[in-house]
């Protein structure tokens, strides 16, 4: 039993043995290197907490409203401040340049705006700046609801997306073709498509003839369904004397029907023919 106790005691490490190991001449170089490394790490940690962490809270790393730059000029037809509207959603948020979710947070704030069709790019730079590239929606069609006079006017883009009515005065309706939406109401809020086949087709045609309809004296878009088939669209003057049978919406032409580009070429020829829009019906479905 005495021998067992002696063997156990001799095998246990002691502080004296460790000190003797470290003081051996052949180990002094290793000990010095380890001491330098440990001292360097301690110094780095102390310095980081004293100067590094406060530096990340400085102006070069904090993203404030004035450091978020929308690089795409806002079109004249938008009267609200899109950037200010979007940044309201981030009010009270502490934005840091090193935040891995910074680009996503800012991009999401702009994506939700009804005037923003697409957030093309969000790019962060040092010192603190975030550049945002946008594609804006463009109004092309006025939808007239069942209301007297200029009441009940709604503005849509080329995809049938409902645009904020507060950004338009009733007098601006004359800048766009209009469609009478008898019996139809929007199915969503601003920034959301109307979800109507008739209105979606009218918006696509309005976008296609955007540069020519005023020259031809057009005013209305009228849609009629032939039997149980597709919708066929007409463009008409305000007095209905000039009628332009467009046919089906762009990209949905029937077999043998000219494309939207071919129809537009025909319109250019009509607009050059003086008096061609007086009391006349033109069928663009005929090549």
C-alpha atoms as a PDB file:
ATOM      1  CA  UNK A   1       0.000   0.000   0.000  1.00  0.00           C
ATOM      2  CA  UNK A   2       2.873   2.361   0.761  1.00  0.00           C
ATOM      3  CA  UNK A   3       4.390   1.670  -2.654  1.00  0.00           C
ATOM      4  CA  UNK A   4       1.099   2.501  -4.392  1.00  0.00           C
ATOM      5  CA  UNK A   5       0.861   5.819  -2.609  1.00  0.00           C
ATOM      6  CA  UNK A   6       4.444   6.674  -3.520  1.00  0.00           C
ATOM      7  CA  UNK A   7       3.844   5.865  -7.218  1.00  0.00           C
ATOM      8  CA  UNK A   8       0.669   7.987  -7.360  1.00  0.00           C
ATOM      9  CA  UNK A   9       2.326  10.962  -5.755  1.00  0.00           C
ATOM     10  CA  UNK A  10       5.303  10.877  -8.092  1.00  0.00           C
ATOM     11  CA  UNK A  11       3.098  10.751 -11.243  1.00  0.00           C
ATOM     12  CA  UNK A  12       0.945  13.793 -10.358  1.00  0.00           C
ATOM     13  CA  UNK A  13       2.105  17.101 -12.024  1.00  0.00           C
ATOM     14  CA  UNK A  14       3.164  19.788  -9.638  1.00  0.00           C
ATOM     15  CA  UNK A  15       3.825  23.503  -9.963  1.00  0.00           C
ATOM     16  CA  UNK A  16       7.469  22.836  -9.091  1.00  0.00           C
ATOM     17  CA  UNK A  17       7.862  20.382 -11.975  1.00  0.00           C
ATOM     18  CA  UNK A  18       6.227  22.846 -14.457  1.00  0.00           C
ATOM     19  CA  UNK A  19       8.490  25.654 -13.278  1.00  0.00           C
ATOM     20  CA  UNK A  20      11.509  23.411 -13.666  1.00  0.00           C
ATOM     21  CA  UNK A  21      10.385  22.465 -17.195  1.00  0.00           C
ATOM     22  CA  UNK A  22       9.954  26.089 -18.234  1.00  0.00           C
ATOM     23  CA  UNK A  23      13.314  27.116 -16.760  1.00  0.00           C
ATOM     24  CA  UNK A  24      15.298  24.559 -18.717  1.00  0.00           C
ATOM     25  CA  UNK A  25      17.786  26.321 -21.029  1.00  0.00           C
ATOM     26  CA  UNK A  26      16.483  24.500 -24.138  1.00  0.00           C
ATOM     27  CA  UNK A  27      12.933  25.785 -23.464  1.00  0.00           C
ATOM     28  CA  UNK A  28      13.693  29.444 -22.812  1.00  0.00           C
ATOM     29  CA  UNK A  29      13.248  30.479 -26.482  1.00  0.00           C
ATOM     30  CA  UNK A  30       9.826  28.846 -26.662  1.00  0.00           C
ATOM     31  CA  UNK A  31       8.796  30.446 -23.378  1.00  0.00           C
ATOM     32  CA  UNK A  32       9.885  33.908 -24.571  1.00  0.00           C
ATOM     33  CA  UNK A  33       7.949  33.530 -27.829  1.00  0.00           C
ATOM     34  CA  UNK A  34       4.815  32.412 -25.997  1.00  0.00           C
ATOM     35  CA  UNK A  35       5.105  35.347 -23.592  1.00  0.00           C
ATOM     36  CA  UNK A  36       5.389  37.816 -26.497  1.00  0.00           C
ATOM     37  CA  UNK A  37       2.359  36.298 -28.247  1.00  0.00           C
ATOM     38  CA  UNK A  38       0.237  36.391 -25.104  1.00  0.00           C
ATOM     39  CA  UNK A  39       1.262  39.969 -24.390  1.00  0.00           C
ATOM     40  CA  UNK A  40       0.438  40.974 -27.979  1.00  0.00           C
ATOM     41  CA  UNK A  41      -3.013  39.400 -27.800  1.00  0.00           C
ATOM     42  CA  UNK A  42      -3.755  41.139 -24.520  1.00  0.00           C
ATOM     43  CA  UNK A  43      -2.554  44.461 -25.929  1.00  0.00           C
ATOM     44  CA  UNK A  44      -4.698  44.003 -29.050  1.00  0.00           C
ATOM     45  CA  UNK A  45      -7.825  43.233 -27.037  1.00  0.00           C
ATOM     46  CA  UNK A  46      -7.287  46.247 -24.793  1.00  0.00           C
ATOM     47  CA  UNK A  47      -6.587  48.522 -27.775  1.00  0.00           C
ATOM     48  CA  UNK A  48      -9.637  47.209 -29.707  1.00  0.00           C
ATOM     49  CA  UNK A  49     -11.987  47.943 -26.826  1.00  0.00           C
ATOM     50  CA  UNK A  50     -10.418  51.337 -26.262  1.00  0.00           C
ATOM     51  CA  UNK A  51     -10.139  52.577 -29.864  1.00  0.00           C
ATOM     52  CA  UNK A  52     -11.532  49.971 -32.324  1.00  0.00           C
ATOM     53  CA  UNK A  53     -15.077  49.594 -31.023  1.00  0.00           C
ATOM     54  CA  UNK A  54     -15.638  53.365 -30.642  1.00  0.00           C
ATOM     55  CA  UNK A  55     -14.303  53.874 -34.173  1.00  0.00           C
ATOM     56  CA  UNK A  56     -17.033  51.602 -35.602  1.00  0.00           C
ATOM     57  CA  UNK A  57     -19.585  53.904 -34.002  1.00  0.00           C
ATOM     58  CA  UNK A  58     -18.072  56.929 -35.748  1.00  0.00           C
ATOM     59  CA  UNK A  59     -19.349  58.844 -38.761  1.00  0.00           C
ATOM     60  CA  UNK A  60     -17.416  56.688 -41.215  1.00  0.00           C
ATOM     61  CA  UNK A  61     -19.485  53.625 -40.295  1.00  0.00           C
ATOM     62  CA  UNK A  62     -22.896  55.051 -39.370  1.00  0.00           C
ATOM     63  CA  UNK A  63     -25.397  55.207 -42.244  1.00  0.00           C
ATOM     64  CA  UNK A  64     -27.694  58.185 -41.771  1.00  0.00           C
ATOM     65  CA  UNK A  65     -30.470  59.398 -44.087  1.00  0.00           C
ATOM     66  CA  UNK A  66     -28.206  61.873 -45.888  1.00  0.00           C
ATOM     67  CA  UNK A  67     -25.762  59.050 -46.680  1.00  0.00           C
ATOM     68  CA  UNK A  68     -28.372  57.020 -48.570  1.00  0.00           C
ATOM     69  CA  UNK A  69     -28.220  58.271 -52.152  1.00  0.00           C
ATOM     70  CA  UNK A  70     -30.811  57.427 -54.817  1.00  0.00           C
ATOM     71  CA  UNK A  71     -28.744  57.507 -58.004  1.00  0.00           C
ATOM     72  CA  UNK A  72     -31.753  57.349 -60.376  1.00  0.00           C
ATOM     73  CA  UNK A  73     -33.307  60.806 -60.920  1.00  0.00           C
ATOM     74  CA  UNK A  74     -36.935  60.930 -59.825  1.00  0.00           C
ATOM     75  CA  UNK A  75     -39.243  61.506 -62.839  1.00  0.00           C
ATOM     76  CA  UNK A  76     -41.256  64.718 -63.111  1.00  0.00           C
ATOM     77  CA  UNK A  77     -44.581  62.868 -62.943  1.00  0.00           C
ATOM     78  CA  UNK A  78     -43.885  61.758 -59.349  1.00  0.00           C
ATOM     79  CA  UNK A  79     -44.670  64.589 -56.947  1.00  0.00           C
ATOM     80  CA  UNK A  80     -43.984  62.854 -53.659  1.00  0.00           C
ATOM     81  CA  UNK A  81     -40.464  62.395 -52.259  1.00  0.00           C
ATOM     82  CA  UNK A  82     -39.925  58.666 -52.814  1.00  0.00           C
ATOM     83  CA  UNK A  83     -36.699  58.515 -50.832  1.00  0.00           C
ATOM     84  CA  UNK A  84     -38.196  60.274 -47.806  1.00  0.00           C
ATOM     85  CA  UNK A  85     -41.258  58.003 -47.922  1.00  0.00           C
ATOM     86  CA  UNK A  86     -39.097  54.873 -47.990  1.00  0.00           C
ATOM     87  CA  UNK A  87     -36.763  55.972 -45.214  1.00  0.00           C
ATOM     88  CA  UNK A  88     -39.697  56.553 -42.882  1.00  0.00           C
ATOM     89  CA  UNK A  89     -39.950  52.786 -42.650  1.00  0.00           C
ATOM     90  CA  UNK A  90     -36.395  52.743 -41.268  1.00  0.00           C
ATOM     91  CA  UNK A  91     -36.940  55.549 -38.745  1.00  0.00           C
ATOM     92  CA  UNK A  92     -35.343  54.677 -35.415  1.00  0.00           C
ATOM     93  CA  UNK A  93     -33.229  51.905 -36.957  1.00  0.00           C
ATOM     94  CA  UNK A  94     -29.516  52.107 -36.158  1.00  0.00           C
ATOM     95  CA  UNK A  95     -27.898  51.434 -39.537  1.00  0.00           C
ATOM     96  CA  UNK A  96     -24.249  50.415 -39.595  1.00  0.00           C
ATOM     97  CA  UNK A  97     -22.039  49.948 -42.626  1.00  0.00           C
ATOM     98  CA  UNK A  98     -20.740  46.594 -41.337  1.00  0.00           C
ATOM     99  CA  UNK A  99     -24.232  45.177 -40.813  1.00  0.00           C
ATOM    100  CA  UNK A 100     -24.483  42.141 -43.117  1.00  0.00           C
ATOM    101  CA  UNK A 101     -28.223  42.772 -43.561  1.00  0.00           C
ATOM    102  CA  UNK A 102     -27.848  46.480 -44.364  1.00  0.00           C
ATOM    103  CA  UNK A 103     -28.333  46.082 -48.135  1.00  0.00           C
ATOM    104  CA  UNK A 104     -31.398  43.889 -47.616  1.00  0.00           C
ATOM    105  CA  UNK A 105     -32.966  46.303 -45.099  1.00  0.00           C
ATOM    106  CA  UNK A 106     -32.605  49.324 -47.362  1.00  0.00           C
ATOM    107  CA  UNK A 107     -33.625  47.420 -50.492  1.00  0.00           C
ATOM    108  CA  UNK A 108     -36.790  46.149 -48.800  1.00  0.00           C
ATOM    109  CA  UNK A 109     -37.767  49.662 -47.707  1.00  0.00           C
ATOM    110  CA  UNK A 110     -37.660  50.883 -51.325  1.00  0.00           C
ATOM    111  CA  UNK A 111     -39.285  47.778 -52.818  1.00  0.00           C
ATOM    112  CA  UNK A 112     -42.498  48.408 -50.860  1.00  0.00           C
ATOM    113  CA  UNK A 113     -43.067  51.880 -52.333  1.00  0.00           C
ATOM    114  CA  UNK A 114     -45.920  51.986 -54.909  1.00  0.00           C
ATOM    115  CA  UNK A 115     -43.898  54.179 -57.277  1.00  0.00           C
ATOM    116  CA  UNK A 116     -40.935  51.759 -57.353  1.00  0.00           C
ATOM    117  CA  UNK A 117     -41.160  49.118 -60.066  1.00  0.00           C
ATOM    118  CA  UNK A 118     -37.824  47.505 -59.172  1.00  0.00           C
ATOM    119  CA  UNK A 119     -34.819  48.004 -56.920  1.00  0.00           C
ATOM    120  CA  UNK A 120     -32.053  47.379 -59.432  1.00  0.00           C
ATOM    121  CA  UNK A 121     -29.057  47.674 -57.124  1.00  0.00           C
ATOM    122  CA  UNK A 122     -28.132  48.600 -53.539  1.00  0.00           C
ATOM    123  CA  UNK A 123     -24.419  49.204 -53.021  1.00  0.00           C
ATOM    124  CA  UNK A 124     -22.619  50.216 -49.835  1.00  0.00           C
ATOM    125  CA  UNK A 125     -19.316  52.092 -49.778  1.00  0.00           C
ATOM    126  CA  UNK A 126     -16.741  53.303 -47.270  1.00  0.00           C
ATOM    127  CA  UNK A 127     -16.821  55.880 -45.758  1.00  0.00           C
ATOM    128  CA  UNK A 128     -20.492  55.348 -44.968  1.00  0.00           C
ATOM    129  CA  UNK A 129     -22.641  55.714 -48.080  1.00  0.00           C
ATOM    130  CA  UNK A 130     -25.312  53.536 -49.665  1.00  0.00           C
ATOM    131  CA  UNK A 131     -26.224  54.012 -53.338  1.00  0.00           C
ATOM    132  CA  UNK A 132     -29.668  52.875 -54.476  1.00  0.00           C
ATOM    133  CA  UNK A 133     -30.574  52.430 -58.152  1.00  0.00           C
ATOM    134  CA  UNK A 134     -34.290  52.268 -58.925  1.00  0.00           C
ATOM    135  CA  UNK A 135     -36.707  51.765 -61.780  1.00  0.00           C
ATOM    136  CA  UNK A 136     -39.802  53.917 -61.345  1.00  0.00           C
ATOM    137  CA  UNK A 137     -43.327  53.175 -62.526  1.00  0.00           C
ATOM    138  CA  UNK A 138     -44.688  55.265 -65.397  1.00  0.00           C
ATOM    139  CA  UNK A 139     -48.388  56.168 -65.680  1.00  0.00           C
ATOM    140  CA  UNK A 140     -49.948  55.345 -69.074  1.00  0.00           C
ATOM    141  CA  UNK A 141     -53.695  54.895 -68.489  1.00  0.00           C
ATOM    142  CA  UNK A 142     -56.542  56.557 -66.618  1.00  0.00           C
ATOM    143  CA  UNK A 143     -59.389  54.336 -65.474  1.00  0.00           C
ATOM    144  CA  UNK A 144     -62.736  56.099 -65.071  1.00  0.00           C
ATOM    145  CA  UNK A 145     -64.914  54.554 -62.380  1.00  0.00           C
ATOM    146  CA  UNK A 146     -68.681  54.983 -62.218  1.00  0.00           C
ATOM    147  CA  UNK A 147     -68.601  58.561 -60.904  1.00  0.00           C
ATOM    148  CA  UNK A 148     -69.682  61.948 -62.316  1.00  0.00           C
ATOM    149  CA  UNK A 149     -67.267  64.322 -64.062  1.00  0.00           C
ATOM    150  CA  UNK A 150     -63.616  63.931 -63.194  1.00  0.00           C
ATOM    151  CA  UNK A 151     -64.310  62.058 -59.981  1.00  0.00           C
ATOM    152  CA  UNK A 152     -63.278  58.447 -59.669  1.00  0.00           C
ATOM    153  CA  UNK A 153     -60.135  58.677 -61.791  1.00  0.00           C
ATOM    154  CA  UNK A 154     -57.428  56.094 -61.117  1.00  0.00           C
ATOM    155  CA  UNK A 155     -53.989  56.032 -62.746  1.00  0.00           C
ATOM    156  CA  UNK A 156     -52.207  52.858 -63.843  1.00  0.00           C
ATOM    157  CA  UNK A 157     -48.808  51.920 -65.232  1.00  0.00           C
ATOM    158  CA  UNK A 158     -48.158  49.680 -68.247  1.00  0.00           C
ATOM    159  CA  UNK A 159     -48.619  46.526 -66.138  1.00  0.00           C
ATOM    160  CA  UNK A 160     -51.970  47.622 -64.735  1.00  0.00           C
ATOM    161  CA  UNK A 161     -50.467  48.546 -61.354  1.00  0.00           C
ATOM    162  CA  UNK A 162     -52.519  51.067 -59.387  1.00  0.00           C
ATOM    163  CA  UNK A 163     -50.587  54.295 -58.722  1.00  0.00           C
ATOM    164  CA  UNK A 164     -51.115  56.720 -55.794  1.00  0.00           C
ATOM    165  CA  UNK A 165     -54.086  58.966 -56.675  1.00  0.00           C
ATOM    166  CA  UNK A 166     -52.867  61.730 -54.358  1.00  0.00           C
ATOM    167  CA  UNK A 167     -49.948  62.357 -56.715  1.00  0.00           C
ATOM    168  CA  UNK A 168     -52.295  63.398 -59.520  1.00  0.00           C
ATOM    169  CA  UNK A 169     -54.607  66.338 -60.105  1.00  0.00           C
ATOM    170  CA  UNK A 170     -57.818  65.616 -62.071  1.00  0.00           C
ATOM    171  CA  UNK A 171     -56.525  67.913 -64.829  1.00  0.00           C
ATOM    172  CA  UNK A 172     -53.625  65.504 -65.464  1.00  0.00           C
ATOM    173  CA  UNK A 173     -56.029  62.899 -66.821  1.00  0.00           C
ATOM    174  CA  UNK A 174     -55.839  64.568 -70.242  1.00  0.00           C
ATOM    175  CA  UNK A 175     -52.225  63.391 -70.494  1.00  0.00           C
ATOM    176  CA  UNK A 176     -53.282  59.743 -70.693  1.00  0.00           C
ATOM    177  CA  UNK A 177     -55.681  57.536 -72.588  1.00  0.00           C
ATOM    178  CA  UNK A 178     -58.678  56.552 -70.523  1.00  0.00           C
ATOM    179  CA  UNK A 179     -60.779  53.444 -70.066  1.00  0.00           C
ATOM    180  CA  UNK A 180     -64.297  53.333 -68.650  1.00  0.00           C
ATOM    181  CA  UNK A 181     -64.218  50.655 -65.932  1.00  0.00           C
ATOM    182  CA  UNK A 182     -67.949  50.046 -65.725  1.00  0.00           C
ATOM    183  CA  UNK A 183     -68.707  47.522 -63.002  1.00  0.00           C
ATOM    184  CA  UNK A 184     -65.048  47.090 -61.985  1.00  0.00           C
ATOM    185  CA  UNK A 185     -63.223  48.153 -58.844  1.00  0.00           C
ATOM    186  CA  UNK A 186     -59.565  47.701 -57.891  1.00  0.00           C
ATOM    187  CA  UNK A 187     -58.774  44.468 -56.102  1.00  0.00           C
ATOM    188  CA  UNK A 188     -55.787  45.797 -54.180  1.00  0.00           C
ATOM    189  CA  UNK A 189     -53.942  48.845 -52.890  1.00  0.00           C
ATOM    190  CA  UNK A 190     -51.470  51.227 -54.504  1.00  0.00           C
ATOM    191  CA  UNK A 191     -48.509  49.419 -56.006  1.00  0.00           C
ATOM    192  CA  UNK A 192     -50.554  46.266 -56.726  1.00  0.00           C
ATOM    193  CA  UNK A 193     -51.913  45.153 -60.153  1.00  0.00           C
ATOM    194  CA  UNK A 194     -55.645  45.635 -60.716  1.00  0.00           C
ATOM    195  CA  UNK A 195     -56.036  41.917 -61.558  1.00  0.00           C
ATOM    196  CA  UNK A 196     -58.457  42.483 -64.419  1.00  0.00           C
ATOM    197  CA  UNK A 197     -57.834  40.981 -67.858  1.00  0.00           C
ATOM    198  CA  UNK A 198     -59.606  43.875 -69.556  1.00  0.00           C
ATOM    199  CA  UNK A 199     -57.655  46.561 -67.725  1.00  0.00           C
ATOM    200  CA  UNK A 200     -54.298  44.767 -68.053  1.00  0.00           C
ATOM    201  CA  UNK A 201     -54.742  44.583 -71.836  1.00  0.00           C
ATOM    202  CA  UNK A 202     -55.747  48.246 -72.050  1.00  0.00           C
ATOM    203  CA  UNK A 203     -52.688  49.296 -70.040  1.00  0.00           C
ATOM    204  CA  UNK A 204     -50.365  47.340 -72.369  1.00  0.00           C
ATOM    205  CA  UNK A 205     -51.905  48.988 -75.452  1.00  0.00           C
ATOM    206  CA  UNK A 206     -51.763  52.454 -73.860  1.00  0.00           C
ATOM    207  CA  UNK A 207     -48.047  51.954 -73.222  1.00  0.00           C
ATOM    208  CA  UNK A 208     -47.517  50.827 -76.836  1.00  0.00           C
ATOM    209  CA  UNK A 209     -49.188  53.917 -78.363  1.00  0.00           C
ATOM    210  CA  UNK A 210     -47.898  56.329 -75.726  1.00  0.00           C
ATOM    211  CA  UNK A 211     -46.082  58.535 -78.246  1.00  0.00           C
ATOM    212  CA  UNK A 212     -48.813  58.569 -80.927  1.00  0.00           C
ATOM    213  CA  UNK A 213     -52.315  58.608 -79.464  1.00  0.00           C
ATOM    214  CA  UNK A 214     -52.468  62.387 -78.967  1.00  0.00           C
ATOM    215  CA  UNK A 215     -51.310  63.057 -82.535  1.00  0.00           C
ATOM    216  CA  UNK A 216     -54.195  60.950 -83.804  1.00  0.00           C
ATOM    217  CA  UNK A 217     -56.724  62.665 -81.542  1.00  0.00           C
ATOM    218  CA  UNK A 218     -57.519  59.502 -79.611  1.00  0.00           C
ATOM    219  CA  UNK A 219     -59.152  59.586 -76.188  1.00  0.00           C
ATOM    220  CA  UNK A 220     -60.749  56.274 -75.165  1.00  0.00           C
ATOM    221  CA  UNK A 221     -59.768  52.627 -75.067  1.00  0.00           C
ATOM    222  CA  UNK A 222     -62.779  50.333 -75.431  1.00  0.00           C
ATOM    223  CA  UNK A 223     -62.705  46.575 -74.940  1.00  0.00           C
ATOM    224  CA  UNK A 224     -65.307  44.137 -76.255  1.00  0.00           C
ATOM    225  CA  UNK A 225     -65.396  40.372 -76.067  1.00  0.00           C
ATOM    226  CA  UNK A 226     -66.284  38.596 -79.279  1.00  0.00           C
ATOM    227  CA  UNK A 227     -68.604  35.776 -78.274  1.00  0.00           C
ATOM    228  CA  UNK A 228     -66.806  33.732 -75.659  1.00  0.00           C
ATOM    229  CA  UNK A 229     -63.403  34.476 -77.186  1.00  0.00           C
ATOM    230  CA  UNK A 230     -60.644  36.964 -76.429  1.00  0.00           C
ATOM    231  CA  UNK A 231     -61.066  40.658 -75.755  1.00  0.00           C
ATOM    232  CA  UNK A 232     -60.652  42.932 -78.775  1.00  0.00           C
ATOM    233  CA  UNK A 233     -59.686  46.564 -78.186  1.00  0.00           C
ATOM    234  CA  UNK A 234     -60.541  49.774 -80.012  1.00  0.00           C
ATOM    235  CA  UNK A 235     -59.018  53.238 -79.684  1.00  0.00           C
ATOM    236  CA  UNK A 236     -61.491  56.065 -80.260  1.00  0.00           C
ATOM    237  CA  UNK A 237     -61.613  59.828 -80.452  1.00  0.00           C
ATOM    238  CA  UNK A 238     -63.644  61.604 -77.778  1.00  0.00           C
ATOM    239  CA  UNK A 239     -66.571  62.084 -80.182  1.00  0.00           C
ATOM    240  CA  UNK A 240     -66.272  58.475 -81.467  1.00  0.00           C
ATOM    241  CA  UNK A 241     -65.931  59.673 -85.088  1.00  0.00           C
ATOM    242  CA  UNK A 242     -62.477  58.125 -85.477  1.00  0.00           C
ATOM    243  CA  UNK A 243     -62.249  54.467 -84.492  1.00  0.00           C
ATOM    244  CA  UNK A 244     -59.053  52.472 -84.544  1.00  0.00           C
ATOM    245  CA  UNK A 245     -59.535  48.733 -84.150  1.00  0.00           C
ATOM    246  CA  UNK A 246     -56.351  47.589 -82.432  1.00  0.00           C
ATOM    247  CA  UNK A 247     -57.234  43.944 -81.847  1.00  0.00           C
ATOM    248  CA  UNK A 248     -55.668  41.873 -79.107  1.00  0.00           C
ATOM    249  CA  UNK A 249     -53.085  43.195 -76.595  1.00  0.00           C
ATOM    250  CA  UNK A 250     -49.344  43.125 -77.404  1.00  0.00           C
ATOM    251  CA  UNK A 251     -47.970  39.608 -77.102  1.00  0.00           C
ATOM    252  CA  UNK A 252     -51.428  38.017 -77.324  1.00  0.00           C
ATOM    253  CA  UNK A 253     -52.131  38.465 -81.042  1.00  0.00           C
ATOM    254  CA  UNK A 254     -54.118  35.785 -82.842  1.00  0.00           C
ATOM    255  CA  UNK A 255     -52.630  33.775 -85.705  1.00  0.00           C
ATOM    256  CA  UNK A 256     -51.909  36.076 -88.642  1.00  0.00           C
ATOM    257  CA  UNK A 257     -52.573  39.270 -86.666  1.00  0.00           C
ATOM    258  CA  UNK A 258     -49.827  41.926 -87.020  1.00  0.00           C
ATOM    259  CA  UNK A 259     -47.550  42.475 -84.053  1.00  0.00           C
ATOM    260  CA  UNK A 260     -47.649  45.614 -81.924  1.00  0.00           C
ATOM    261  CA  UNK A 261     -44.580  46.929 -83.769  1.00  0.00           C
ATOM    262  CA  UNK A 262     -46.320  46.466 -87.131  1.00  0.00           C
ATOM    263  CA  UNK A 263     -49.448  48.178 -85.878  1.00  0.00           C
ATOM    264  CA  UNK A 264     -47.394  51.123 -84.630  1.00  0.00           C
ATOM    265  CA  UNK A 265     -45.769  51.431 -88.058  1.00  0.00           C
ATOM    266  CA  UNK A 266     -49.245  51.593 -89.584  1.00  0.00           C
ATOM    267  CA  UNK A 267     -50.216  54.296 -87.090  1.00  0.00           C
ATOM    268  CA  UNK A 268     -47.230  56.398 -88.104  1.00  0.00           C
ATOM    269  CA  UNK A 269     -48.400  56.221 -91.721  1.00  0.00           C
ATOM    270  CA  UNK A 270     -51.923  57.224 -90.704  1.00  0.00           C
ATOM    271  CA  UNK A 271     -50.659  60.191 -88.681  1.00  0.00           C
ATOM    272  CA  UNK A 272     -48.741  61.474 -91.734  1.00  0.00           C
ATOM    273  CA  UNK A 273     -51.886  61.377 -93.857  1.00  0.00           C
ATOM    274  CA  UNK A 274     -53.626  64.690 -93.229  1.00  0.00           C
ATOM    275  CA  UNK A 275     -57.311  64.339 -92.461  1.00  0.00           C
ATOM    276  CA  UNK A 276     -57.072  60.557 -92.152  1.00  0.00           C
ATOM    277  CA  UNK A 277     -58.595  60.584 -88.664  1.00  0.00           C
ATOM    278  CA  UNK A 278     -61.846  62.298 -89.666  1.00  0.00           C
ATOM    279  CA  UNK A 279     -64.960  60.090 -89.402  1.00  0.00           C
ATOM    280  CA  UNK A 280     -63.131  56.925 -90.226  1.00  0.00           C
ATOM    281  CA  UNK A 281     -62.659  53.391 -88.924  1.00  0.00           C
ATOM    282  CA  UNK A 282     -59.274  51.765 -89.379  1.00  0.00           C
ATOM    283  CA  UNK A 283     -58.705  48.065 -88.664  1.00  0.00           C
ATOM    284  CA  UNK A 284     -55.090  47.402 -87.670  1.00  0.00           C
ATOM    285  CA  UNK A 285     -55.696  43.676 -87.616  1.00  0.00           C
ATOM    286  CA  UNK A 286     -55.401  43.661 -91.402  1.00  0.00           C
ATOM    287  CA  UNK A 287     -51.767  43.443 -92.551  1.00  0.00           C
END
